[in-house]
């Protein structure tokens, strides 16, 4: 009868194997988190590049607008009437 009781104790190592699997799963999940972080960092880098480009474009645009305002105020602004007309026609055609 003691043999049967000793046989029941073999369940213990199986429980130990389950614990090892949990550790492996945790390591696998940690690897996934690292991958997600890399992807997230690359997205943030792209956003920062876009912001920098946008800020540069805004500075350039503000400079052009200031130059045009100065020309209008001084009376030296002379727009290309053909370009204005073609842009106006394209705009009106797009509305319909």
PDB file of N, CA and C in Angstrom:
ATOM      1  N   UNK A   1       0.807  -1.178   0.000  1.00  0.00           N
ATOM      2  CA  UNK A   1       0.000   0.000   0.000  1.00  0.00           C
ATOM      3  C   UNK A   1       0.860   1.255   0.000  1.00  0.00           C
ATOM      4  N   UNK A   2       1.998   1.230   0.605  1.00  0.00           N
ATOM      5  CA  UNK A   2       2.879   2.374   0.560  1.00  0.00           C
ATOM      6  C   UNK A   2       3.376   2.640  -0.850  1.00  0.00           C
ATOM      7  N   UNK A   3       3.439   1.621  -1.688  1.00  0.00           N
ATOM      8  CA  UNK A   3       3.846   1.838  -3.070  1.00  0.00           C
ATOM      9  C   UNK A   3       2.833   2.733  -3.791  1.00  0.00           C
ATOM     10  N   UNK A   4       1.583   2.506  -3.515  1.00  0.00           N
ATOM     11  CA  UNK A   4       0.554   3.310  -4.153  1.00  0.00           C
ATOM     12  C   UNK A   4       0.630   4.761  -3.681  1.00  0.00           C
ATOM     13  N   UNK A   5       0.930   4.956  -2.417  1.00  0.00           N
ATOM     14  CA  UNK A   5       1.036   6.309  -1.892  1.00  0.00           C
ATOM     15  C   UNK A   5       2.252   7.005  -2.510  1.00  0.00           C
ATOM     16  N   UNK A   6       3.367   6.312  -2.655  1.00  0.00           N
ATOM     17  CA  UNK A   6       4.562   6.883  -3.277  1.00  0.00           C
ATOM     18  C   UNK A   6       4.287   7.227  -4.738  1.00  0.00           C
ATOM     19  N   UNK A   7       3.506   6.400  -5.408  1.00  0.00           N
ATOM     20  CA  UNK A   7       3.169   6.652  -6.799  1.00  0.00           C
ATOM     21  C   UNK A   7       2.400   7.969  -6.932  1.00  0.00           C
ATOM     22  N   UNK A   8       1.566   8.286  -5.989  1.00  0.00           N
ATOM     23  CA  UNK A   8       0.804   9.518  -6.014  1.00  0.00           C
ATOM     24  C   UNK A   8       1.692  10.746  -5.902  1.00  0.00           C
ATOM     25  N   UNK A   9       2.883  10.624  -5.316  1.00  0.00           N
ATOM     26  CA  UNK A   9       3.791  11.754  -5.153  1.00  0.00           C
ATOM     27  C   UNK A   9       4.427  12.168  -6.484  1.00  0.00           C
ATOM     28  N   UNK A  10       4.358  11.344  -7.501  1.00  0.00           N
ATOM     29  CA  UNK A  10       4.967  11.684  -8.778  1.00  0.00           C
ATOM     30  C   UNK A  10       4.253  12.845  -9.461  1.00  0.00           C
ATOM     31  N   UNK A  11       3.121  13.223  -8.971  1.00  0.00           N
ATOM     32  CA  UNK A  11       2.403  14.370  -9.531  1.00  0.00           C
ATOM     33  C   UNK A  11       3.195  15.646  -9.279  1.00  0.00           C
ATOM     34  N   UNK A  12       3.974  15.683  -8.238  1.00  0.00           N
ATOM     35  CA  UNK A  12       4.780  16.846  -7.902  1.00  0.00           C
ATOM     36  C   UNK A  12       5.653  17.332  -9.058  1.00  0.00           C
ATOM     37  N   UNK A  13       6.452  16.480  -9.708  1.00  0.00           N
ATOM     38  CA  UNK A  13       7.293  16.945 -10.807  1.00  0.00           C
ATOM     39  C   UNK A  13       6.487  17.502 -11.979  1.00  0.00           C
ATOM     40  N   UNK A  14       5.299  16.971 -12.197  1.00  0.00           N
ATOM     41  CA  UNK A  14       4.476  17.501 -13.283  1.00  0.00           C
ATOM     42  C   UNK A  14       4.127  18.954 -12.980  1.00  0.00           C
ATOM     43  N   UNK A  15       3.802  19.226 -11.732  1.00  0.00           N
ATOM     44  CA  UNK A  15       3.539  20.598 -11.339  1.00  0.00           C
ATOM     45  C   UNK A  15       4.770  21.467 -11.577  1.00  0.00           C
ATOM     46  N   UNK A  16       5.956  20.941 -11.364  1.00  0.00           N
ATOM     47  CA  UNK A  16       7.195  21.659 -11.617  1.00  0.00           C
ATOM     48  C   UNK A  16       7.355  21.978 -13.091  1.00  0.00           C
ATOM     49  N   UNK A  17       6.949  21.085 -13.961  1.00  0.00           N
ATOM     50  CA  UNK A  17       7.021  21.325 -15.395  1.00  0.00           C
ATOM     51  C   UNK A  17       6.079  22.448 -15.797  1.00  0.00           C
ATOM     52  N   UNK A  18       4.931  22.487 -15.200  1.00  0.00           N
ATOM     53  CA  UNK A  18       3.988  23.562 -15.515  1.00  0.00           C
ATOM     54  C   UNK A  18       4.572  24.922 -15.143  1.00  0.00           C
ATOM     55  N   UNK A  19       5.277  24.985 -14.040  1.00  0.00           N
ATOM     56  CA  UNK A  19       5.896  26.235 -13.638  1.00  0.00           C
ATOM     57  C   UNK A  19       6.945  26.655 -14.655  1.00  0.00           C
ATOM     58  N   UNK A  20       7.704  25.692 -15.167  1.00  0.00           N
ATOM     59  CA  UNK A  20       8.720  26.014 -16.174  1.00  0.00           C
ATOM     60  C   UNK A  20       8.062  26.560 -17.429  1.00  0.00           C
ATOM     61  N   UNK A  21       6.942  26.038 -17.824  1.00  0.00           N
ATOM     62  CA  UNK A  21       6.235  26.524 -18.998  1.00  0.00           C
ATOM     63  C   UNK A  21       5.761  27.955 -18.790  1.00  0.00           C
ATOM     64  N   UNK A  22       5.324  28.259 -17.587  1.00  0.00           N
ATOM     65  CA  UNK A  22       4.890  29.619 -17.314  1.00  0.00           C
ATOM     66  C   UNK A  22       6.048  30.587 -17.470  1.00  0.00           C
ATOM     67  N   UNK A  23       7.236  30.210 -17.056  1.00  0.00           N
ATOM     68  CA  UNK A  23       8.408  31.061 -17.203  1.00  0.00           C
ATOM     69  C   UNK A  23       8.724  31.254 -18.670  1.00  0.00           C
ATOM     70  N   UNK A  24       8.627  30.179 -19.472  1.00  0.00           N
ATOM     71  CA  UNK A  24       8.879  30.296 -20.898  1.00  0.00           C
ATOM     72  C   UNK A  24       7.857  31.226 -21.555  1.00  0.00           C
ATOM     73  N   UNK A  25       6.621  31.135 -21.152  1.00  0.00           N
ATOM     74  CA  UNK A  25       5.586  32.006 -21.698  1.00  0.00           C
ATOM     75  C   UNK A  25       5.891  33.451 -21.340  1.00  0.00           C
ATOM     76  N   UNK A  26       6.328  33.676 -20.125  1.00  0.00           N
ATOM     77  CA  UNK A  26       6.664  35.030 -19.701  1.00  0.00           C
ATOM     78  C   UNK A  26       7.812  35.572 -20.533  1.00  0.00           C
ATOM     79  N   UNK A  27       8.818  34.744 -20.813  1.00  0.00           N
ATOM     80  CA  UNK A  27       9.935  35.186 -21.658  1.00  0.00           C
ATOM     81  C   UNK A  27       9.454  35.507 -23.065  1.00  0.00           C
ATOM     82  N   UNK A  28       8.549  34.687 -23.592  1.00  0.00           N
ATOM     83  CA  UNK A  28       8.018  34.936 -24.938  1.00  0.00           C
ATOM     84  C   UNK A  28       7.225  36.234 -24.954  1.00  0.00           C
ATOM     85  N   UNK A  29       6.440  36.488 -23.921  1.00  0.00           N
ATOM     86  CA  UNK A  29       5.678  37.726 -23.846  1.00  0.00           C
ATOM     87  C   UNK A  29       6.607  38.926 -23.719  1.00  0.00           C
ATOM     88  N   UNK A  30       7.709  38.757 -23.000  1.00  0.00           N
ATOM     89  CA  UNK A  30       8.677  39.854 -22.866  1.00  0.00           C
ATOM     90  C   UNK A  30       9.288  40.168 -24.227  1.00  0.00           C
ATOM     91  N   UNK A  31       9.536  39.156 -25.047  1.00  0.00           N
ATOM     92  CA  UNK A  31      10.062  39.381 -26.391  1.00  0.00           C
ATOM     93  C   UNK A  31       9.075  40.148 -27.255  1.00  0.00           C
ATOM     94  N   UNK A  32       7.800  39.849 -27.101  1.00  0.00           N
ATOM     95  CA  UNK A  32       6.771  40.563 -27.856  1.00  0.00           C
ATOM     96  C   UNK A  32       6.728  42.026 -27.444  1.00  0.00           C
ATOM     97  N   UNK A  33       6.857  42.284 -26.153  1.00  0.00           N
ATOM     98  CA  UNK A  33       6.816  43.663 -25.668  1.00  0.00           C
ATOM     99  C   UNK A  33       7.973  44.462 -26.253  1.00  0.00           C
ATOM    100  N   UNK A  34       9.129  43.853 -26.372  1.00  0.00           N
ATOM    101  CA  UNK A  34      10.274  44.537 -26.955  1.00  0.00           C
ATOM    102  C   UNK A  34      10.001  44.872 -28.410  1.00  0.00           C
ATOM    103  N   UNK A  35       9.419  43.939 -29.152  1.00  0.00           N
ATOM    104  CA  UNK A  35       9.094  44.185 -30.551  1.00  0.00           C
ATOM    105  C   UNK A  35       8.085  45.316 -30.671  1.00  0.00           C
ATOM    106  N   UNK A  36       7.066  45.307 -29.823  1.00  0.00           N
ATOM    107  CA  UNK A  36       6.066  46.370 -29.865  1.00  0.00           C
ATOM    108  C   UNK A  36       6.701  47.717 -29.585  1.00  0.00           C
ATOM    109  N   UNK A  37       7.633  47.741 -28.667  1.00  0.00           N
ATOM    110  CA  UNK A  37       8.279  49.000 -28.322  1.00  0.00           C
ATOM    111  C   UNK A  37       9.078  49.542 -29.506  1.00  0.00           C
ATOM    112  N   UNK A  38       9.745  48.655 -30.235  1.00  0.00           N
ATOM    113  CA  UNK A  38      10.508  49.082 -31.402  1.00  0.00           C
ATOM    114  C   UNK A  38       9.577  49.659 -32.455  1.00  0.00           C
ATOM    115  N   UNK A  39       8.469  48.992 -32.716  1.00  0.00           N
ATOM    116  CA  UNK A  39       7.511  49.492 -33.690  1.00  0.00           C
ATOM    117  C   UNK A  39       6.949  50.841 -33.252  1.00  0.00           C
ATOM    118  N   UNK A  40       6.665  50.968 -31.978  1.00  0.00           N
ATOM    119  CA  UNK A  40       6.128  52.215 -31.472  1.00  0.00           C
ATOM    120  C   UNK A  40       7.149  53.328 -31.602  1.00  0.00           C
ATOM    121  N   UNK A  41       8.422  53.023 -31.339  1.00  0.00           N
ATOM    122  CA  UNK A  41       9.475  54.024 -31.476  1.00  0.00           C
ATOM    123  C   UNK A  41       9.591  54.491 -32.920  1.00  0.00           C
ATOM    124  N   UNK A  42       9.499  53.578 -33.865  1.00  0.00           N
ATOM    125  CA  UNK A  42       9.614  53.976 -35.266  1.00  0.00           C
ATOM    126  C   UNK A  42       8.450  54.875 -35.666  1.00  0.00           C
ATOM    127  N   UNK A  43       7.276  54.623 -35.124  1.00  0.00           N
ATOM    128  CA  UNK A  43       6.120  55.475 -35.410  1.00  0.00           C
ATOM    129  C   UNK A  43       6.363  56.874 -34.841  1.00  0.00           C
ATOM    130  N   UNK A  44       6.884  56.931 -33.623  1.00  0.00           N
ATOM    131  CA  UNK A  44       7.173  58.231 -33.015  1.00  0.00           C
ATOM    132  C   UNK A  44       8.247  58.987 -33.801  1.00  0.00           C
ATOM    133  N   UNK A  45       9.236  58.271 -34.310  1.00  0.00           N
ATOM    134  CA  UNK A  45      10.274  58.919 -35.110  1.00  0.00           C
ATOM    135  C   UNK A  45       9.662  59.524 -36.372  1.00  0.00           C
ATOM    136  N   UNK A  46       8.751  58.807 -37.006  1.00  0.00           N
ATOM    137  CA  UNK A  46       8.085  59.327 -38.206  1.00  0.00           C
ATOM    138  C   UNK A  46       7.250  60.560 -37.876  1.00  0.00           C
ATOM    139  N   UNK A  47       6.564  60.520 -36.742  1.00  0.00           N
ATOM    140  CA  UNK A  47       5.753  61.672 -36.329  1.00  0.00           C
ATOM    141  C   UNK A  47       6.656  62.879 -36.096  1.00  0.00           C
ATOM    142  N   UNK A  48       7.790  62.658 -35.433  1.00  0.00           N
ATOM    143  CA  UNK A  48       8.720  63.765 -35.183  1.00  0.00           C
ATOM    144  C   UNK A  48       9.286  64.329 -36.477  1.00  0.00           C
ATOM    145  N   UNK A  49       9.605  63.460 -37.438  1.00  0.00           N
ATOM    146  CA  UNK A  49      10.099  63.935 -38.733  1.00  0.00           C
ATOM    147  C   UNK A  49       9.038  64.778 -39.431  1.00  0.00           C
ATOM    148  N   UNK A  50       7.793  64.313 -39.372  1.00  0.00           N
ATOM    149  CA  UNK A  50       6.692  65.048 -40.000  1.00  0.00           C
ATOM    150  C   UNK A  50       6.503  66.405 -39.342  1.00  0.00           C
ATOM    151  N   UNK A  51       6.604  66.455 -38.026  1.00  0.00           N
ATOM    152  CA  UNK A  51       6.476  67.729 -37.316  1.00  0.00           C
ATOM    153  C   UNK A  51       7.581  68.688 -37.708  1.00  0.00           C
ATOM    154  N   UNK A  52       8.812  68.177 -37.787  1.00  0.00           N
ATOM    155  CA  UNK A  52       9.946  69.022 -38.168  1.00  0.00           C
ATOM    156  C   UNK A  52       9.747  69.578 -39.577  1.00  0.00           C
ATOM    157  N   UNK A  53       9.306  68.724 -40.483  1.00  0.00           N
ATOM    158  CA  UNK A  53       9.064  69.150 -41.860  1.00  0.00           C
ATOM    159  C   UNK A  53       7.949  70.192 -41.892  1.00  0.00           C
ATOM    160  N   UNK A  54       6.910  69.942 -41.125  1.00  0.00           N
ATOM    161  CA  UNK A  54       5.785  70.878 -41.069  1.00  0.00           C
ATOM    162  C   UNK A  54       6.227  72.223 -40.505  1.00  0.00           C
ATOM    163  N   UNK A  55       7.050  72.197 -39.472  1.00  0.00           N
ATOM    164  CA  UNK A  55       7.523  73.441 -38.869  1.00  0.00           C
ATOM    165  C   UNK A  55       8.392  74.217 -39.859  1.00  0.00           C
ATOM    166  N   UNK A  56       9.241  73.505 -40.600  1.00  0.00           N
ATOM    167  CA  UNK A  56      10.084  74.142 -41.604  1.00  0.00           C
ATOM    168  C   UNK A  56       9.217  74.754 -42.692  1.00  0.00           C
ATOM    169  N   UNK A  57       8.202  74.015 -43.123  1.00  0.00           N
ATOM    170  CA  UNK A  57       7.302  74.520 -44.158  1.00  0.00           C
ATOM    171  C   UNK A  57       6.554  75.756 -43.668  1.00  0.00           C
ATOM    172  N   UNK A  58       6.141  75.741 -42.409  1.00  0.00           N
ATOM    173  CA  UNK A  58       5.429  76.888 -41.858  1.00  0.00           C
ATOM    174  C   UNK A  58       6.325  78.119 -41.809  1.00  0.00           C
ATOM    175  N   UNK A  59       7.582  77.942 -41.453  1.00  0.00           N
ATOM    176  CA  UNK A  59       8.515  79.070 -41.400  1.00  0.00           C
ATOM    177  C   UNK A  59       8.708  79.649 -42.801  1.00  0.00           C
ATOM    178  N   UNK A  60       8.909  78.764 -43.786  1.00  0.00           N
ATOM    179  CA  UNK A  60       9.088  79.212 -45.168  1.00  0.00           C
ATOM    180  C   UNK A  60       7.824  79.913 -45.677  1.00  0.00           C
ATOM    181  N   UNK A  61       6.665  79.356 -45.360  1.00  0.00           N
ATOM    182  CA  UNK A  61       5.406  79.958 -45.798  1.00  0.00           C
ATOM    183  C   UNK A  61       5.226  81.336 -45.163  1.00  0.00           C
ATOM    184  N   UNK A  62       5.513  81.443 -43.883  1.00  0.00           N
ATOM    185  CA  UNK A  62       5.383  82.733 -43.199  1.00  0.00           C
ATOM    186  C   UNK A  62       6.308  83.784 -43.809  1.00  0.00           C
ATOM    187  N   UNK A  63       7.496  83.365 -44.225  1.00  0.00           N
ATOM    188  CA  UNK A  63       8.429  84.299 -44.860  1.00  0.00           C
ATOM    189  C   UNK A  63       7.877  84.773 -46.208  1.00  0.00           C
ATOM    190  N   UNK A  64       7.313  83.844 -46.991  1.00  0.00           N
ATOM    191  CA  UNK A  64       6.742  84.211 -48.293  1.00  0.00           C
ATOM    192  C   UNK A  64       5.554  85.152 -48.114  1.00  0.00           C
ATOM    193  N   UNK A  65       4.702  84.853 -47.137  1.00  0.00           N
ATOM    194  CA  UNK A  65       3.535  85.700 -46.891  1.00  0.00           C
ATOM    195  C   UNK A  65       3.973  87.092 -46.473  1.00  0.00           C
ATOM    196  N   UNK A  66       4.982  87.172 -45.619  1.00  0.00           N
ATOM    197  CA  UNK A  66       5.479  88.482 -45.173  1.00  0.00           C
ATOM    198  C   UNK A  66       6.037  89.276 -46.355  1.00  0.00           C
ATOM    199  N   UNK A  67       6.767  88.581 -47.250  1.00  0.00           N
ATOM    200  CA  UNK A  67       7.323  89.263 -48.423  1.00  0.00           C
ATOM    201  C   UNK A  67       6.197  89.763 -49.333  1.00  0.00           C
ATOM    202  N   UNK A  68       5.164  88.952 -49.530  1.00  0.00           N
ATOM    203  CA  UNK A  68       4.031  89.366 -50.369  1.00  0.00           C
ATOM    204  C   UNK A  68       3.272  90.536 -49.736  1.00  0.00           C
ATOM    205  N   UNK A  69       3.089  90.508 -48.429  1.00  0.00           N
ATOM    206  CA  UNK A  69       2.427  91.620 -47.746  1.00  0.00           C
ATOM    207  C   UNK A  69       3.200  92.921 -47.936  1.00  0.00           C
ATOM    208  N   UNK A  70       4.522  92.819 -47.835  1.00  0.00           N
ATOM    209  CA  UNK A  70       5.358  94.009 -48.014  1.00  0.00           C
ATOM    210  C   UNK A  70       5.208  94.551 -49.435  1.00  0.00           C
ATOM    211  N   UNK A  71       5.143  93.642 -50.432  1.00  0.00           N
ATOM    212  CA  UNK A  71       4.975  94.070 -51.821  1.00  0.00           C
ATOM    213  C   UNK A  71       3.615  94.728 -52.030  1.00  0.00           C
ATOM    214  N   UNK A  72       2.562  94.154 -51.440  1.00  0.00           N
ATOM    215  CA  UNK A  72       1.222  94.726 -51.578  1.00  0.00           C
ATOM    216  C   UNK A  72       1.181  96.112 -50.942  1.00  0.00           C
ATOM    217  N   UNK A  73       1.765  96.248 -49.760  1.00  0.00           N
ATOM    218  CA  UNK A  73       1.758  97.536 -49.062  1.00  0.00           C
ATOM    219  C   UNK A  73       2.533  98.607 -49.823  1.00  0.00           C
ATOM    220  N   UNK A  74       3.618  98.193 -50.452  1.00  0.00           N
ATOM    221  CA  UNK A  74       4.435  99.167 -51.185  1.00  0.00           C
ATOM    222  C   UNK A  74       3.890  99.436 -52.589  1.00  0.00           C
ATOM    223  N   UNK A  75       2.940  98.599 -53.048  1.00  0.00           N
ATOM    224  CA  UNK A  75       2.363  98.783 -54.378  1.00  0.00           C
ATOM    225  C   UNK A  75       3.190  98.137 -55.478  1.00  0.00           C
ATOM    226  N   UNK A  76       4.181  97.339 -55.127  1.00  0.00           N
ATOM    227  CA  UNK A  76       5.038  96.714 -56.140  1.00  0.00           C
ATOM    228  C   UNK A  76       4.600  95.288 -56.500  1.00  0.00           C
ATOM    229  N   UNK A  77       3.529  94.802 -55.909  1.00  0.00           N
ATOM    230  CA  UNK A  77       3.065  93.438 -56.194  1.00  0.00           C
ATOM    231  C   UNK A  77       2.369  93.402 -57.536  1.00  0.00           C
ATOM    232  N   UNK A  78       2.852  92.552 -58.424  1.00  0.00           N
ATOM    233  CA  UNK A  78       2.276  92.382 -59.755  1.00  0.00           C
ATOM    234  C   UNK A  78       2.077  90.882 -60.008  1.00  0.00           C
ATOM    235  N   UNK A  79       0.873  90.377 -59.746  1.00  0.00           N
ATOM    236  CA  UNK A  79       0.640  88.946 -59.966  1.00  0.00           C
ATOM    237  C   UNK A  79       0.606  88.619 -61.455  1.00  0.00           C
ATOM    238  N   UNK A  80       0.919  87.390 -61.804  1.00  0.00           N
ATOM    239  CA  UNK A  80       0.822  86.893 -63.171  1.00  0.00           C
ATOM    240  C   UNK A  80      -0.661  86.614 -63.441  1.00  0.00           C
ATOM    241  N   UNK A  81      -1.274  87.461 -64.237  1.00  0.00           N
ATOM    242  CA  UNK A  81      -2.714  87.381 -64.458  1.00  0.00           C
ATOM    243  C   UNK A  81      -3.143  86.090 -65.154  1.00  0.00           C
ATOM    244  N   UNK A  82      -2.299  85.553 -66.021  1.00  0.00           N
ATOM    245  CA  UNK A  82      -2.635  84.292 -66.684  1.00  0.00           C
ATOM    246  C   UNK A  82      -2.688  83.144 -65.676  1.00  0.00           C
ATOM    247  N   UNK A  83      -1.740  83.121 -64.745  1.00  0.00           N
ATOM    248  CA  UNK A  83      -1.748  82.071 -63.715  1.00  0.00           C
ATOM    249  C   UNK A  83      -2.963  82.217 -62.805  1.00  0.00           C
ATOM    250  N   UNK A  84      -3.316  83.443 -62.473  1.00  0.00           N
ATOM    251  CA  UNK A  84      -4.487  83.682 -61.630  1.00  0.00           C
ATOM    252  C   UNK A  84      -5.740  83.198 -62.351  1.00  0.00           C
ATOM    253  N   UNK A  85      -5.868  83.520 -63.619  1.00  0.00           N
ATOM    254  CA  UNK A  85      -7.047  83.126 -64.396  1.00  0.00           C
ATOM    255  C   UNK A  85      -7.142  81.612 -64.520  1.00  0.00           C
ATOM    256  N   UNK A  86      -6.028  80.943 -64.824  1.00  0.00           N
ATOM    257  CA  UNK A  86      -6.082  79.486 -64.982  1.00  0.00           C
ATOM    258  C   UNK A  86      -6.390  78.803 -63.638  1.00  0.00           C
ATOM    259  N   UNK A  87      -5.876  79.331 -62.568  1.00  0.00           N
ATOM    260  CA  UNK A  87      -6.184  78.768 -61.247  1.00  0.00           C
ATOM    261  C   UNK A  87      -7.648  78.972 -60.897  1.00  0.00           C
ATOM    262  N   UNK A  88      -8.180  80.131 -61.247  1.00  0.00           N
ATOM    263  CA  UNK A  88      -9.582  80.430 -60.976  1.00  0.00           C
ATOM    264  C   UNK A  88     -10.493  79.508 -61.774  1.00  0.00           C
ATOM    265  N   UNK A  89     -10.172  79.281 -63.039  1.00  0.00           N
ATOM    266  CA  UNK A  89     -10.972  78.389 -63.886  1.00  0.00           C
ATOM    267  C   UNK A  89     -10.910  76.962 -63.326  1.00  0.00           C
ATOM    268  N   UNK A  90      -9.733  76.491 -62.937  1.00  0.00           N
ATOM    269  CA  UNK A  90      -9.595  75.143 -62.372  1.00  0.00           C
ATOM    270  C   UNK A  90     -10.396  75.019 -61.082  1.00  0.00           C
ATOM    271  N   UNK A  91     -10.364  76.057 -60.245  1.00  0.00           N
ATOM    272  CA  UNK A  91     -11.105  76.041 -58.992  1.00  0.00           C
ATOM    273  C   UNK A  91     -12.605  75.980 -59.246  1.00  0.00           C
ATOM    274  N   UNK A  92     -13.084  76.795 -60.172  1.00  0.00           N
ATOM    275  CA  UNK A  92     -14.514  76.803 -60.461  1.00  0.00           C
ATOM    276  C   UNK A  92     -14.967  75.481 -61.094  1.00  0.00           C
ATOM    277  N   UNK A  93     -14.137  74.885 -61.924  1.00  0.00           N
ATOM    278  CA  UNK A  93     -14.477  73.611 -62.552  1.00  0.00           C
ATOM    279  C   UNK A  93     -14.533  72.489 -61.498  1.00  0.00           C
ATOM    280  N   UNK A  94     -13.699  72.569 -60.493  1.00  0.00           N
ATOM    281  CA  UNK A  94     -13.655  71.539 -59.455  1.00  0.00           C
ATOM    282  C   UNK A  94     -14.884  71.623 -58.545  1.00  0.00           C
ATOM    283  N   UNK A  95     -15.482  72.797 -58.414  1.00  0.00           N
ATOM    284  CA  UNK A  95     -16.650  72.977 -57.563  1.00  0.00           C
ATOM    285  C   UNK A  95     -17.866  72.260 -58.122  1.00  0.00           C
ATOM    286  N   UNK A  96     -17.959  72.145 -59.429  1.00  0.00           N
ATOM    287  CA  UNK A  96     -19.147  71.548 -60.064  1.00  0.00           C
ATOM    288  C   UNK A  96     -19.052  70.096 -60.005  1.00  0.00           C
TER     289      UNK A  96
END
